[in-house]
Amino acid sequence: MQELKGRNLKQRVKKLLESSDFPASLQELRDVPPRKVINPLFSFLYHTNDQVRWHAVTTMGIVVADLAEKDMESARVILRRLMWNLNDESGGIGWGSAEALGEILACHKGLATEYANILLSYIQEDGNFQEHGLMQRGVLWGIARLAQARPELALDAVPHIMPFLASPDPAKRGLAARIMGLLCCGEAREPVLRLSDDESPFTTYLDGTLVQCSVKQMAEQALEKMKHPDT
């Protein structure tokens, strides 16, 4: 990427996040020094365009993982910034922060080992529980992403995720079912089975793509994973 600063850099990052050829854009974003691209990425975690916001989450994960390989302490500073956004004392709502935290931990084993319990705490009543409904969706997505990459670090979430299988919000039910499948959680089989007729739709972000799916699809995939945990 050509040398850009300030507003010009932010506009260029936005254009790359909007690109239909996101893998190519991602490579260009990785070529920018991490300390320069992080601030624009933080701002796009709040973006109203879902594609921009989710591409910012993906990019944040990879960029911070790249940074951690060279400067672990600087990567920790970024994670602490995300954690501050999720703290009531920050005075705001940390849209996208739980998702970015989950993506970073999925991308970097060292950071995951240090910070997985922090991510899980945002769903624990006796921890840093997020009261806002949409923030809970973000935490569940972040935990699902951690469970997808490093299931052994997400196992402690199981008792705290279980109640979300009966949530009135289809996105929470679907994400909770997905987590139980990724963790091959046999004790969740019966409540997940009850969701296998639930046609309620919701939109989520899977493997770099925004997808429209149903609770039923998430439940069926989870049940299949429970039957064949090594696949």
Protein backbone atom coordinates (compact mmCIF):
# COMPACT_ATOMS: atom_id res chain seq x y z
CA MET A 1 0.00 0.00 0.00
CA GLN A 2 1.30 3.42 -0.86
CA GLU A 3 2.30 5.63 2.05
CA LEU A 4 -0.92 7.07 3.44
CA LYS A 5 -1.70 8.87 6.65
CA GLY A 6 -4.70 10.00 8.68
CA ARG A 7 -7.95 10.38 6.81
CA ASN A 8 -6.49 9.10 3.53
CA LEU A 9 -5.34 5.90 5.23
CA LYS A 10 -8.75 5.41 6.84
CA GLN A 11 -10.50 5.85 3.49
CA ARG A 12 -8.15 3.35 1.86
CA VAL A 13 -8.72 0.80 4.63
CA LYS A 14 -12.49 1.23 4.25
CA LYS A 15 -12.28 0.64 0.50
CA LEU A 16 -10.29 -2.54 1.08
CA LEU A 17 -12.79 -3.78 3.67
CA GLU A 18 -15.61 -3.15 1.20
CA SER A 19 -13.85 -5.03 -1.61
CA SER A 20 -15.52 -8.05 -3.21
CA ASP A 21 -12.05 -9.59 -3.46
CA PHE A 22 -11.42 -9.52 0.27
CA PRO A 23 -8.57 -12.08 0.32
CA ALA A 24 -6.51 -9.77 -1.91
CA SER A 25 -7.48 -6.77 0.20
CA LEU A 26 -6.49 -8.63 3.33
CA GLN A 27 -3.01 -9.22 1.98
CA GLU A 28 -2.66 -5.52 1.19
CA LEU A 29 -3.82 -4.64 4.70
CA ARG A 30 -1.22 -7.00 6.17
CA ASP A 31 1.46 -5.06 4.30
CA VAL A 32 0.66 -1.92 6.31
CA PRO A 33 2.61 -1.60 9.58
CA PRO A 34 0.20 -2.93 12.25
CA ARG A 35 0.40 0.17 14.44
CA LYS A 36 -0.86 2.28 11.51
CA VAL A 37 -3.77 0.07 10.49
CA ILE A 38 -5.09 -0.75 13.98
CA ASN A 39 -6.78 2.60 14.70
CA PRO A 40 -8.79 2.59 11.44
CA LEU A 41 -9.76 -1.03 12.13
CA PHE A 42 -11.03 -0.11 15.60
CA SER A 43 -13.28 2.54 14.09
CA PHE A 44 -14.72 0.07 11.56
CA LEU A 45 -15.75 -2.37 14.31
CA TYR A 46 -18.61 0.11 14.83
CA HIS A 47 -19.54 0.43 11.17
CA THR A 48 -23.21 0.08 10.19
CA ASN A 49 -22.32 -1.89 7.04
CA ASP A 50 -22.15 -5.53 8.14
CA GLN A 51 -19.56 -6.50 5.53
CA VAL A 52 -17.20 -3.68 6.53
CA ARG A 53 -17.64 -4.48 10.21
CA TRP A 54 -17.04 -8.22 9.85
CA HIS A 55 -14.11 -7.78 7.49
CA ALA A 56 -12.62 -5.45 10.12
CA VAL A 57 -13.01 -8.25 12.68
CA THR A 58 -11.21 -10.73 10.40
CA THR A 59 -8.44 -8.26 9.62
CA MET A 60 -7.99 -7.33 13.26
CA GLY A 61 -7.44 -11.00 14.13
CA ILE A 62 -4.77 -11.53 11.51
CA VAL A 63 -3.01 -8.19 11.97
CA VAL A 64 -2.77 -8.56 15.76
CA ALA A 65 -1.56 -12.15 15.40
CA ASP A 66 1.13 -10.91 12.98
CA LEU A 67 2.09 -8.18 15.45
CA ALA A 68 2.28 -10.68 18.35
CA GLU A 69 4.92 -12.66 16.48
CA LYS A 70 7.19 -9.60 16.52
CA ASP A 71 6.07 -7.62 19.58
CA MET A 72 3.90 -9.51 22.06
CA GLU A 73 3.50 -6.59 24.44
CA SER A 74 2.13 -4.32 21.71
CA ALA A 75 -0.38 -7.03 20.83
CA ARG A 76 -1.40 -7.25 24.50
CA VAL A 77 -2.01 -3.48 24.51
CA ILE A 78 -4.54 -3.93 21.69
CA LEU A 79 -6.31 -6.71 23.59
CA ARG A 80 -6.47 -4.53 26.68
CA ARG A 81 -8.02 -1.81 24.55
CA LEU A 82 -10.72 -4.23 23.39
CA MET A 83 -11.29 -5.29 26.99
CA TRP A 84 -11.63 -1.65 28.05
CA ASN A 85 -14.31 -1.18 25.37
CA LEU A 86 -16.23 -4.06 26.99
CA ASN A 87 -15.90 -2.54 30.45
CA ASP A 88 -18.85 -0.59 31.88
CA GLU A 89 -16.41 2.10 33.01
CA SER A 90 -15.51 2.87 29.39
CA GLY A 91 -18.77 4.81 29.09
CA GLY A 92 -19.68 3.27 25.73
CA ILE A 93 -20.86 0.06 24.16
CA GLY A 94 -18.04 -2.03 22.76
CA TRP A 95 -19.63 -3.04 19.47
CA GLY A 96 -17.43 -5.54 17.66
CA SER A 97 -14.92 -5.83 20.50
CA ALA A 98 -15.92 -9.32 21.68
CA GLU A 99 -15.94 -10.56 18.09
CA ALA A 100 -12.47 -9.07 17.46
CA LEU A 101 -11.20 -10.57 20.71
CA GLY A 102 -12.47 -14.01 19.68
CA GLU A 103 -10.92 -13.68 16.23
CA ILE A 104 -7.54 -12.65 17.62
CA LEU A 105 -7.51 -15.59 20.04
CA ALA A 106 -8.45 -17.94 17.21
CA CYS A 107 -5.50 -16.61 15.19
CA HIS A 108 -2.77 -16.67 17.85
CA LYS A 109 -2.17 -19.51 20.30
CA GLY A 110 -0.04 -17.52 22.74
CA LEU A 111 -2.62 -14.76 23.12
CA ALA A 112 -5.39 -17.35 23.37
CA THR A 113 -3.63 -19.08 26.26
CA GLU A 114 -3.39 -15.76 28.10
CA TYR A 115 -6.78 -14.26 27.34
CA ALA A 116 -9.30 -17.06 26.70
CA ASN A 117 -10.61 -16.89 30.26
CA ILE A 118 -11.21 -13.16 29.85
CA LEU A 119 -13.34 -13.77 26.76
CA LEU A 120 -15.32 -16.49 28.57
CA SER A 121 -15.90 -14.15 31.53
CA TYR A 122 -18.17 -11.95 29.41
CA ILE A 123 -20.79 -14.70 29.42
CA GLN A 124 -20.45 -15.61 33.11
CA GLU A 125 -22.95 -14.22 35.63
CA ASP A 126 -20.20 -14.08 38.26
CA GLY A 127 -17.71 -12.60 35.80
CA ASN A 128 -17.87 -9.64 33.42
CA PHE A 129 -21.33 -10.57 32.12
CA GLN A 130 -22.58 -8.43 29.24
CA GLU A 131 -26.17 -7.38 29.93
CA HIS A 132 -26.91 -5.88 26.50
CA GLY A 133 -28.62 -8.39 24.21
CA LEU A 134 -26.69 -7.52 21.06
CA MET A 135 -23.42 -7.57 22.98
CA GLN A 136 -24.28 -11.09 24.16
CA ARG A 137 -24.54 -12.11 20.50
CA GLY A 138 -21.04 -10.75 19.96
CA VAL A 139 -19.65 -12.64 22.93
CA LEU A 140 -21.27 -15.88 21.76
CA TRP A 141 -19.80 -15.38 18.29
CA GLY A 142 -16.36 -14.72 19.78
CA ILE A 143 -16.56 -17.85 21.92
CA ALA A 144 -17.72 -19.85 18.89
CA ARG A 145 -14.70 -18.63 16.96
CA LEU A 146 -12.39 -19.62 19.82
CA ALA A 147 -14.12 -23.02 20.05
CA GLN A 148 -13.67 -23.52 16.31
CA ALA A 149 -9.90 -22.97 16.49
CA ARG A 150 -8.98 -23.97 20.05
CA PRO A 151 -11.84 -25.98 21.61
CA GLU A 152 -9.80 -26.98 24.64
CA LEU A 153 -9.70 -23.32 25.73
CA ALA A 154 -13.48 -22.83 25.46
CA LEU A 155 -14.69 -25.84 27.45
CA ASP A 156 -15.24 -23.84 30.63
CA ALA A 157 -17.93 -21.88 28.81
CA VAL A 158 -20.31 -24.86 28.56
CA PRO A 159 -22.44 -24.30 31.71
CA HIS A 160 -22.73 -20.60 30.91
CA ILE A 161 -23.70 -21.17 27.28
CA MET A 162 -26.36 -23.78 28.07
CA PRO A 163 -29.09 -21.26 29.07
CA PHE A 164 -28.75 -19.52 25.70
CA LEU A 165 -30.10 -22.63 23.97
CA ALA A 166 -33.49 -21.48 25.29
CA SER A 167 -33.02 -17.78 24.49
CA PRO A 168 -35.92 -15.94 22.79
CA ASP A 169 -33.31 -14.57 20.33
CA PRO A 170 -32.75 -16.99 17.41
CA ALA A 171 -29.19 -15.72 16.86
CA LYS A 172 -28.29 -16.60 20.44
CA ARG A 173 -29.96 -20.01 20.21
CA GLY A 174 -28.16 -20.74 16.95
CA LEU A 175 -24.75 -19.56 18.15
CA ALA A 176 -25.13 -21.48 21.41
CA ALA A 177 -25.94 -24.64 19.44
CA ARG A 178 -22.92 -24.03 17.22
CA ILE A 179 -20.64 -23.73 20.26
CA MET A 180 -22.00 -26.96 21.76
CA GLY A 181 -21.30 -28.74 18.48
CA LEU A 182 -17.80 -27.34 18.14
CA LEU A 183 -17.07 -28.50 21.68
CA CYS A 184 -18.71 -31.90 21.05
CA CYS A 185 -20.68 -31.34 24.25
CA GLY A 186 -22.69 -34.52 24.84
CA GLU A 187 -24.52 -33.06 27.84
CA ALA A 188 -26.10 -30.48 25.52
CA ARG A 189 -27.43 -33.08 23.09
CA GLU A 190 -31.03 -33.06 24.36
CA PRO A 191 -31.52 -29.27 24.40
CA VAL A 192 -29.81 -29.00 20.99
CA LEU A 193 -32.05 -31.79 19.66
CA ARG A 194 -35.08 -29.71 20.66
CA LEU A 195 -33.83 -26.99 18.31
CA SER A 196 -33.67 -29.30 15.29
CA ASP A 197 -37.16 -28.18 14.19
CA ASP A 198 -36.52 -24.49 14.84
CA GLU A 199 -36.74 -22.73 11.47
CA SER A 200 -36.11 -19.27 12.94
CA PRO A 201 -33.70 -17.36 10.67
CA PHE A 202 -30.73 -15.24 11.63
CA THR A 203 -27.64 -13.81 9.97
CA THR A 204 -24.12 -14.57 11.11
CA TYR A 205 -20.54 -14.58 9.82
CA LEU A 206 -18.92 -17.93 9.12
CA ASP A 207 -15.53 -18.60 7.55
CA GLY A 208 -15.24 -15.07 6.17
CA THR A 209 -18.75 -14.85 4.72
CA LEU A 210 -22.03 -13.34 5.93
CA VAL A 211 -24.62 -16.10 5.81
CA GLN A 212 -28.35 -16.33 6.34
CA CYS A 213 -29.08 -19.51 8.26
CA SER A 214 -31.57 -21.01 10.68
CA VAL A 215 -31.40 -22.30 14.23
CA LYS A 216 -32.33 -25.70 12.78
CA GLN A 217 -29.24 -25.73 10.56
CA MET A 218 -26.96 -24.85 13.46
CA ALA A 219 -28.58 -27.53 15.63
CA GLU A 220 -28.30 -30.20 12.93
CA GLN A 221 -24.63 -29.38 12.34
CA ALA A 222 -24.00 -29.49 16.10
CA LEU A 223 -25.69 -32.88 16.47
CA GLU A 224 -23.67 -34.25 13.57
CA LYS A 225 -20.46 -32.99 15.17
CA MET A 226 -21.41 -34.61 18.46
CA LYS A 227 -21.86 -37.94 16.63
CA HIS A 228 -18.58 -37.62 14.72
CA PRO A 229 -16.26 -35.51 16.88
CA ASP A 230 -13.17 -36.21 14.78
CA THR A 231 -14.60 -34.79 11.54
